[in-house]
């Protein structure tokens, strides 16, 4: 009978992705705040677009990281 154990290499991969997720969770709203607080500046549109993209990446990395961690624990 095979014992059920956590696959540590997959768990470490999931934790690395969650670390990147933590960075993007802070970076996205900061970029949006900087961009939206200066509408007359020339970098207004690029900062807002970059902030929205980074927020989307944060959501994606969050789901991906949680899925990888769950796979390491329950497979």
PDB file of N, CA and C in Angstrom:
ATOM      1  N   UNK A   1       0.840  -1.185   0.000  1.00  0.00           N
ATOM      2  CA  UNK A   1       0.000   0.000   0.000  1.00  0.00           C
ATOM      3  C   UNK A   1       0.887   1.251   0.000  1.00  0.00           C
ATOM      4  N   UNK A   2       0.612   2.138  -0.916  1.00  0.00           N
ATOM      5  CA  UNK A   2       1.401   3.366  -1.043  1.00  0.00           C
ATOM      6  C   UNK A   2       0.952   4.384   0.002  1.00  0.00           C
ATOM      7  N   UNK A   3       1.922   4.957   0.715  1.00  0.00           N
ATOM      8  CA  UNK A   3       1.557   5.958   1.712  1.00  0.00           C
ATOM      9  C   UNK A   3       1.320   7.297   1.026  1.00  0.00           C
ATOM     10  N   UNK A   4       0.361   8.034   1.542  1.00  0.00           N
ATOM     11  CA  UNK A   4       0.027   9.332   0.960  1.00  0.00           C
ATOM     12  C   UNK A   4       0.879  10.394   1.629  1.00  0.00           C
ATOM     13  N   UNK A   5       1.726  11.033   0.838  1.00  0.00           N
ATOM     14  CA  UNK A   5       2.603  12.080   1.344  1.00  0.00           C
ATOM     15  C   UNK A   5       2.568  13.269   0.409  1.00  0.00           C
ATOM     16  N   UNK A   6       2.944  14.392   0.942  1.00  0.00           N
ATOM     17  CA  UNK A   6       3.009  15.610   0.146  1.00  0.00           C
ATOM     18  C   UNK A   6       4.236  15.571  -0.752  1.00  0.00           C
ATOM     19  N   UNK A   7       4.034  15.873  -2.022  1.00  0.00           N
ATOM     20  CA  UNK A   7       5.142  15.957  -2.961  1.00  0.00           C
ATOM     21  C   UNK A   7       5.838  17.299  -2.736  1.00  0.00           C
ATOM     22  N   UNK A   8       7.004  17.259  -2.125  1.00  0.00           N
ATOM     23  CA  UNK A   8       7.671  18.483  -1.688  1.00  0.00           C
ATOM     24  C   UNK A   8       8.176  19.334  -2.845  1.00  0.00           C
ATOM     25  N   UNK A   9       8.592  18.729  -3.937  1.00  0.00           N
ATOM     26  CA  UNK A   9       9.086  19.528  -5.055  1.00  0.00           C
ATOM     27  C   UNK A   9       7.958  20.336  -5.697  1.00  0.00           C
ATOM     28  N   UNK A  10       6.791  19.727  -5.815  1.00  0.00           N
ATOM     29  CA  UNK A  10       5.642  20.450  -6.366  1.00  0.00           C
ATOM     30  C   UNK A  10       5.168  21.515  -5.380  1.00  0.00           C
ATOM     31  N   UNK A  11       5.227  21.227  -4.089  1.00  0.00           N
ATOM     32  CA  UNK A  11       4.843  22.206  -3.071  1.00  0.00           C
ATOM     33  C   UNK A  11       5.747  23.432  -3.123  1.00  0.00           C
ATOM     34  N   UNK A  12       7.044  23.222  -3.289  1.00  0.00           N
ATOM     35  CA  UNK A  12       7.986  24.346  -3.379  1.00  0.00           C
ATOM     36  C   UNK A  12       7.692  25.189  -4.621  1.00  0.00           C
ATOM     37  N   UNK A  13       7.366  24.531  -5.732  1.00  0.00           N
ATOM     38  CA  UNK A  13       7.008  25.252  -6.952  1.00  0.00           C
ATOM     39  C   UNK A  13       5.764  26.117  -6.716  1.00  0.00           C
ATOM     40  N   UNK A  14       4.769  25.561  -6.042  1.00  0.00           N
ATOM     41  CA  UNK A  14       3.563  26.324  -5.735  1.00  0.00           C
ATOM     42  C   UNK A  14       3.840  27.494  -4.811  1.00  0.00           C
ATOM     43  N   UNK A  15       4.722  27.306  -3.842  1.00  0.00           N
ATOM     44  CA  UNK A  15       5.050  28.397  -2.926  1.00  0.00           C
ATOM     45  C   UNK A  15       5.831  29.508  -3.630  1.00  0.00           C
ATOM     46  N   UNK A  16       6.670  29.146  -4.605  1.00  0.00           N
ATOM     47  CA  UNK A  16       7.375  30.166  -5.381  1.00  0.00           C
ATOM     48  C   UNK A  16       6.382  31.006  -6.189  1.00  0.00           C
ATOM     49  N   UNK A  17       5.400  30.339  -6.783  1.00  0.00           N
ATOM     50  CA  UNK A  17       4.390  31.066  -7.543  1.00  0.00           C
ATOM     51  C   UNK A  17       3.586  31.972  -6.615  1.00  0.00           C
ATOM     52  N   UNK A  18       3.294  31.505  -5.401  1.00  0.00           N
ATOM     53  CA  UNK A  18       2.566  32.348  -4.453  1.00  0.00           C
ATOM     54  C   UNK A  18       3.423  33.527  -4.000  1.00  0.00           C
ATOM     55  N   UNK A  19       4.741  33.367  -3.968  1.00  0.00           N
ATOM     56  CA  UNK A  19       5.622  34.485  -3.662  1.00  0.00           C
ATOM     57  C   UNK A  19       5.567  35.552  -4.750  1.00  0.00           C
ATOM     58  N   UNK A  20       5.576  35.113  -6.008  1.00  0.00           N
ATOM     59  CA  UNK A  20       5.407  36.061  -7.120  1.00  0.00           C
ATOM     60  C   UNK A  20       4.035  36.725  -7.056  1.00  0.00           C
ATOM     61  N   UNK A  21       3.041  35.943  -6.645  1.00  0.00           N
ATOM     62  CA  UNK A  21       1.694  36.472  -6.509  1.00  0.00           C
ATOM     63  C   UNK A  21       1.661  37.590  -5.464  1.00  0.00           C
ATOM     64  N   UNK A  22       2.369  37.408  -4.378  1.00  0.00           N
ATOM     65  CA  UNK A  22       2.406  38.425  -3.326  1.00  0.00           C
ATOM     66  C   UNK A  22       2.993  39.736  -3.849  1.00  0.00           C
ATOM     67  N   UNK A  23       4.028  39.630  -4.666  1.00  0.00           N
ATOM     68  CA  UNK A  23       4.637  40.835  -5.246  1.00  0.00           C
ATOM     69  C   UNK A  23       3.646  41.540  -6.170  1.00  0.00           C
ATOM     70  N   UNK A  24       2.973  40.781  -7.031  1.00  0.00           N
ATOM     71  CA  UNK A  24       2.039  41.400  -7.970  1.00  0.00           C
ATOM     72  C   UNK A  24       0.788  41.918  -7.265  1.00  0.00           C
ATOM     73  N   UNK A  25       0.419  41.324  -6.139  1.00  0.00           N
ATOM     74  CA  UNK A  25      -0.735  41.826  -5.391  1.00  0.00           C
ATOM     75  C   UNK A  25      -0.501  43.237  -4.872  1.00  0.00           C
ATOM     76  N   UNK A  26       0.723  43.572  -4.556  1.00  0.00           N
ATOM     77  CA  UNK A  26       1.030  44.929  -4.102  1.00  0.00           C
ATOM     78  C   UNK A  26       1.365  45.855  -5.271  1.00  0.00           C
ATOM     79  N   UNK A  27       2.048  45.342  -6.275  1.00  0.00           N
ATOM     80  CA  UNK A  27       2.513  46.174  -7.376  1.00  0.00           C
ATOM     81  C   UNK A  27       1.363  46.695  -8.243  1.00  0.00           C
ATOM     82  N   UNK A  28       0.361  45.868  -8.502  1.00  0.00           N
ATOM     83  CA  UNK A  28      -0.755  46.277  -9.361  1.00  0.00           C
ATOM     84  C   UNK A  28      -1.520  47.476  -8.819  1.00  0.00           C
ATOM     85  N   UNK A  29      -2.022  47.427  -7.580  1.00  0.00           N
ATOM     86  CA  UNK A  29      -2.725  48.598  -7.047  1.00  0.00           C
ATOM     87  C   UNK A  29      -1.836  49.830  -6.894  1.00  0.00           C
ATOM     88  N   UNK A  30      -0.550  49.638  -6.621  1.00  0.00           N
ATOM     89  CA  UNK A  30       0.349  50.794  -6.527  1.00  0.00           C
ATOM     90  C   UNK A  30       0.462  51.472  -7.891  1.00  0.00           C
ATOM     91  N   UNK A  31       0.624  50.683  -8.947  1.00  0.00           N
ATOM     92  CA  UNK A  31       0.698  51.269 -10.293  1.00  0.00           C
ATOM     93  C   UNK A  31      -0.606  51.962 -10.672  1.00  0.00           C
ATOM     94  N   UNK A  32      -1.739  51.349 -10.320  1.00  0.00           N
ATOM     95  CA  UNK A  32      -3.019  51.986 -10.615  1.00  0.00           C
ATOM     96  C   UNK A  32      -3.173  53.302  -9.861  1.00  0.00           C
ATOM     97  N   UNK A  33      -2.781  53.326  -8.608  1.00  0.00           N
ATOM     98  CA  UNK A  33      -2.891  54.551  -7.817  1.00  0.00           C
ATOM     99  C   UNK A  33      -2.006  55.659  -8.381  1.00  0.00           C
ATOM    100  N   UNK A  34      -0.779  55.308  -8.727  1.00  0.00           N
ATOM    101  CA  UNK A  34       0.131  56.305  -9.294  1.00  0.00           C
ATOM    102  C   UNK A  34      -0.416  56.821 -10.625  1.00  0.00           C
ATOM    103  N   UNK A  35      -0.918  55.920 -11.455  1.00  0.00           N
ATOM    104  CA  UNK A  35      -1.439  56.328 -12.753  1.00  0.00           C
ATOM    105  C   UNK A  35      -2.697  57.169 -12.645  1.00  0.00           C
ATOM    106  N   UNK A  36      -3.633  56.771 -11.780  1.00  0.00           N
ATOM    107  CA  UNK A  36      -4.905  57.484 -11.690  1.00  0.00           C
ATOM    108  C   UNK A  36      -4.798  58.787 -10.898  1.00  0.00           C
ATOM    109  N   UNK A  37      -3.764  58.963 -10.115  1.00  0.00           N
ATOM    110  CA  UNK A  37      -3.634  60.196  -9.342  1.00  0.00           C
ATOM    111  C   UNK A  37      -3.027  61.334 -10.169  1.00  0.00           C
ATOM    112  N   UNK A  38      -2.493  61.059 -11.338  1.00  0.00           N
ATOM    113  CA  UNK A  38      -1.879  62.084 -12.192  1.00  0.00           C
ATOM    114  C   UNK A  38      -2.439  62.023 -13.609  1.00  0.00           C
ATOM    115  N   UNK A  39      -3.702  62.397 -13.823  1.00  0.00           N
ATOM    116  CA  UNK A  39      -4.271  62.270 -15.179  1.00  0.00           C
ATOM    117  C   UNK A  39      -3.676  63.225 -16.207  1.00  0.00           C
ATOM    118  N   UNK A  40      -2.988  64.291 -15.760  1.00  0.00           N
ATOM    119  CA  UNK A  40      -2.423  65.233 -16.727  1.00  0.00           C
ATOM    120  C   UNK A  40      -1.009  64.872 -17.155  1.00  0.00           C
ATOM    121  N   UNK A  41      -0.412  63.869 -16.537  1.00  0.00           N
ATOM    122  CA  UNK A  41       0.955  63.452 -16.878  1.00  0.00           C
ATOM    123  C   UNK A  41       0.964  62.632 -18.165  1.00  0.00           C
ATOM    124  N   UNK A  42       2.112  62.614 -18.874  1.00  0.00           N
ATOM    125  CA  UNK A  42       2.165  61.847 -20.133  1.00  0.00           C
ATOM    126  C   UNK A  42       2.151  60.327 -19.929  1.00  0.00           C
ATOM    127  N   UNK A  43       2.512  59.848 -18.754  1.00  0.00           N
ATOM    128  CA  UNK A  43       2.520  58.401 -18.502  1.00  0.00           C
ATOM    129  C   UNK A  43       1.205  57.904 -17.900  1.00  0.00           C
ATOM    130  N   UNK A  44       0.144  58.700 -17.980  1.00  0.00           N
ATOM    131  CA  UNK A  44      -1.142  58.333 -17.385  1.00  0.00           C
ATOM    132  C   UNK A  44      -1.678  57.016 -17.957  1.00  0.00           C
ATOM    133  N   UNK A  45      -1.827  56.945 -19.250  1.00  0.00           N
ATOM    134  CA  UNK A  45      -2.400  55.753 -19.894  1.00  0.00           C
ATOM    135  C   UNK A  45      -1.508  54.529 -19.738  1.00  0.00           C
ATOM    136  N   UNK A  46      -0.190  54.612 -19.989  1.00  0.00           N
ATOM    137  CA  UNK A  46       0.640  53.409 -19.814  1.00  0.00           C
ATOM    138  C   UNK A  46       0.639  52.874 -18.380  1.00  0.00           C
ATOM    139  N   UNK A  47       0.616  53.762 -17.384  1.00  0.00           N
ATOM    140  CA  UNK A  47       0.597  53.295 -15.994  1.00  0.00           C
ATOM    141  C   UNK A  47      -0.722  52.618 -15.638  1.00  0.00           C
ATOM    142  N   UNK A  48      -1.815  53.157 -16.131  1.00  0.00           N
ATOM    143  CA  UNK A  48      -3.115  52.544 -15.868  1.00  0.00           C
ATOM    144  C   UNK A  48      -3.205  51.184 -16.550  1.00  0.00           C
ATOM    145  N   UNK A  49      -2.753  51.093 -17.777  1.00  0.00           N
ATOM    146  CA  UNK A  49      -2.778  49.808 -18.492  1.00  0.00           C
ATOM    147  C   UNK A  49      -1.870  48.801 -17.799  1.00  0.00           C
ATOM    148  N   UNK A  50      -0.667  49.231 -17.407  1.00  0.00           N
ATOM    149  CA  UNK A  50       0.252  48.320 -16.714  1.00  0.00           C
ATOM    150  C   UNK A  50      -0.338  47.864 -15.386  1.00  0.00           C
ATOM    151  N   UNK A  51      -0.996  48.753 -14.661  1.00  0.00           N
ATOM    152  CA  UNK A  51      -1.619  48.385 -13.392  1.00  0.00           C
ATOM    153  C   UNK A  51      -2.718  47.360 -13.568  1.00  0.00           C
ATOM    154  N   UNK A  52      -3.542  47.538 -14.588  1.00  0.00           N
ATOM    155  CA  UNK A  52      -4.625  46.581 -14.850  1.00  0.00           C
ATOM    156  C   UNK A  52      -4.053  45.226 -15.248  1.00  0.00           C
ATOM    157  N   UNK A  53      -3.016  45.228 -16.079  1.00  0.00           N
ATOM    158  CA  UNK A  53      -2.397  43.957 -16.501  1.00  0.00           C
ATOM    159  C   UNK A  53      -1.768  43.245 -15.306  1.00  0.00           C
ATOM    160  N   UNK A  54      -1.070  43.989 -14.441  1.00  0.00           N
ATOM    161  CA  UNK A  54      -0.431  43.369 -13.274  1.00  0.00           C
ATOM    162  C   UNK A  54      -1.487  42.821 -12.320  1.00  0.00           C
ATOM    163  N   UNK A  55      -2.615  43.519 -12.170  1.00  0.00           N
ATOM    164  CA  UNK A  55      -3.698  42.995 -11.326  1.00  0.00           C
ATOM    165  C   UNK A  55      -4.269  41.701 -11.912  1.00  0.00           C
ATOM    166  N   UNK A  56      -4.407  41.643 -13.225  1.00  0.00           N
ATOM    167  CA  UNK A  56      -4.872  40.409 -13.866  1.00  0.00           C
ATOM    168  C   UNK A  56      -3.888  39.263 -13.682  1.00  0.00           C
ATOM    169  N   UNK A  57      -2.603  39.568 -13.777  1.00  0.00           N
ATOM    170  CA  UNK A  57      -1.569  38.548 -13.550  1.00  0.00           C
ATOM    171  C   UNK A  57      -1.608  38.061 -12.107  1.00  0.00           C
ATOM    172  N   UNK A  58      -1.890  38.965 -11.174  1.00  0.00           N
ATOM    173  CA  UNK A  58      -1.973  38.576  -9.763  1.00  0.00           C
ATOM    174  C   UNK A  58      -3.113  37.591  -9.534  1.00  0.00           C
ATOM    175  N   UNK A  59      -4.242  37.826 -10.161  1.00  0.00           N
ATOM    176  CA  UNK A  59      -5.379  36.907 -10.028  1.00  0.00           C
ATOM    177  C   UNK A  59      -5.026  35.551 -10.625  1.00  0.00           C
ATOM    178  N   UNK A  60      -4.419  35.560 -11.805  1.00  0.00           N
ATOM    179  CA  UNK A  60      -4.031  34.302 -12.455  1.00  0.00           C
ATOM    180  C   UNK A  60      -3.026  33.522 -11.608  1.00  0.00           C
ATOM    181  N   UNK A  61      -1.995  34.206 -11.111  1.00  0.00           N
ATOM    182  CA  UNK A  61      -0.980  33.522 -10.300  1.00  0.00           C
ATOM    183  C   UNK A  61      -1.568  32.987  -8.999  1.00  0.00           C
ATOM    184  N   UNK A  62      -2.532  33.697  -8.446  1.00  0.00           N
ATOM    185  CA  UNK A  62      -3.176  33.211  -7.228  1.00  0.00           C
ATOM    186  C   UNK A  62      -3.876  31.887  -7.450  1.00  0.00           C
ATOM    187  N   UNK A  63      -4.676  31.809  -8.503  1.00  0.00           N
ATOM    188  CA  UNK A  63      -5.378  30.554  -8.799  1.00  0.00           C
ATOM    189  C   UNK A  63      -4.401  29.436  -9.156  1.00  0.00           C
ATOM    190  N   UNK A  64      -3.390  29.768  -9.956  1.00  0.00           N
ATOM    191  CA  UNK A  64      -2.416  28.758 -10.376  1.00  0.00           C
ATOM    192  C   UNK A  64      -1.620  28.236  -9.172  1.00  0.00           C
ATOM    193  N   UNK A  65      -1.192  29.140  -8.301  1.00  0.00           N
ATOM    194  CA  UNK A  65      -0.429  28.729  -7.123  1.00  0.00           C
ATOM    195  C   UNK A  65      -1.231  27.854  -6.186  1.00  0.00           C
ATOM    196  N   UNK A  66      -2.479  28.225  -5.951  1.00  0.00           N
ATOM    197  CA  UNK A  66      -3.328  27.413  -5.070  1.00  0.00           C
ATOM    198  C   UNK A  66      -3.576  26.042  -5.685  1.00  0.00           C
ATOM    199  N   UNK A  67      -3.787  25.989  -7.003  1.00  0.00           N
ATOM    200  CA  UNK A  67      -4.005  24.689  -7.656  1.00  0.00           C
ATOM    201  C   UNK A  67      -2.778  23.795  -7.531  1.00  0.00           C
ATOM    202  N   UNK A  68      -1.585  24.351  -7.728  1.00  0.00           N
ATOM    203  CA  UNK A  68      -0.363  23.553  -7.635  1.00  0.00           C
ATOM    204  C   UNK A  68      -0.157  23.063  -6.205  1.00  0.00           C
ATOM    205  N   UNK A  69      -0.401  23.913  -5.227  1.00  0.00           N
ATOM    206  CA  UNK A  69      -0.260  23.493  -3.838  1.00  0.00           C
ATOM    207  C   UNK A  69      -1.256  22.399  -3.488  1.00  0.00           C
ATOM    208  N   UNK A  70      -2.491  22.525  -3.954  1.00  0.00           N
ATOM    209  CA  UNK A  70      -3.485  21.485  -3.688  1.00  0.00           C
ATOM    210  C   UNK A  70      -3.123  20.169  -4.375  1.00  0.00           C
ATOM    211  N   UNK A  71      -2.566  20.263  -5.581  1.00  0.00           N
ATOM    212  CA  UNK A  71      -2.137  19.051  -6.269  1.00  0.00           C
ATOM    213  C   UNK A  71      -1.007  18.357  -5.521  1.00  0.00           C
ATOM    214  N   UNK A  72      -0.112  19.123  -4.926  1.00  0.00           N
ATOM    215  CA  UNK A  72       1.002  18.509  -4.198  1.00  0.00           C
ATOM    216  C   UNK A  72       0.523  17.835  -2.921  1.00  0.00           C
ATOM    217  N   UNK A  73      -0.523  18.359  -2.321  1.00  0.00           N
ATOM    218  CA  UNK A  73      -0.998  17.791  -1.048  1.00  0.00           C
ATOM    219  C   UNK A  73      -1.916  16.599  -1.282  1.00  0.00           C
ATOM    220  N   UNK A  74      -2.806  16.678  -2.272  1.00  0.00           N
ATOM    221  CA  UNK A  74      -3.860  15.667  -2.400  1.00  0.00           C
ATOM    222  C   UNK A  74      -3.642  14.643  -3.502  1.00  0.00           C
ATOM    223  N   UNK A  75      -2.550  14.708  -4.257  1.00  0.00           N
ATOM    224  CA  UNK A  75      -2.310  13.677  -5.283  1.00  0.00           C
ATOM    225  C   UNK A  75      -1.280  12.688  -4.808  1.00  0.00           C
TER     226      UNK A  75
END
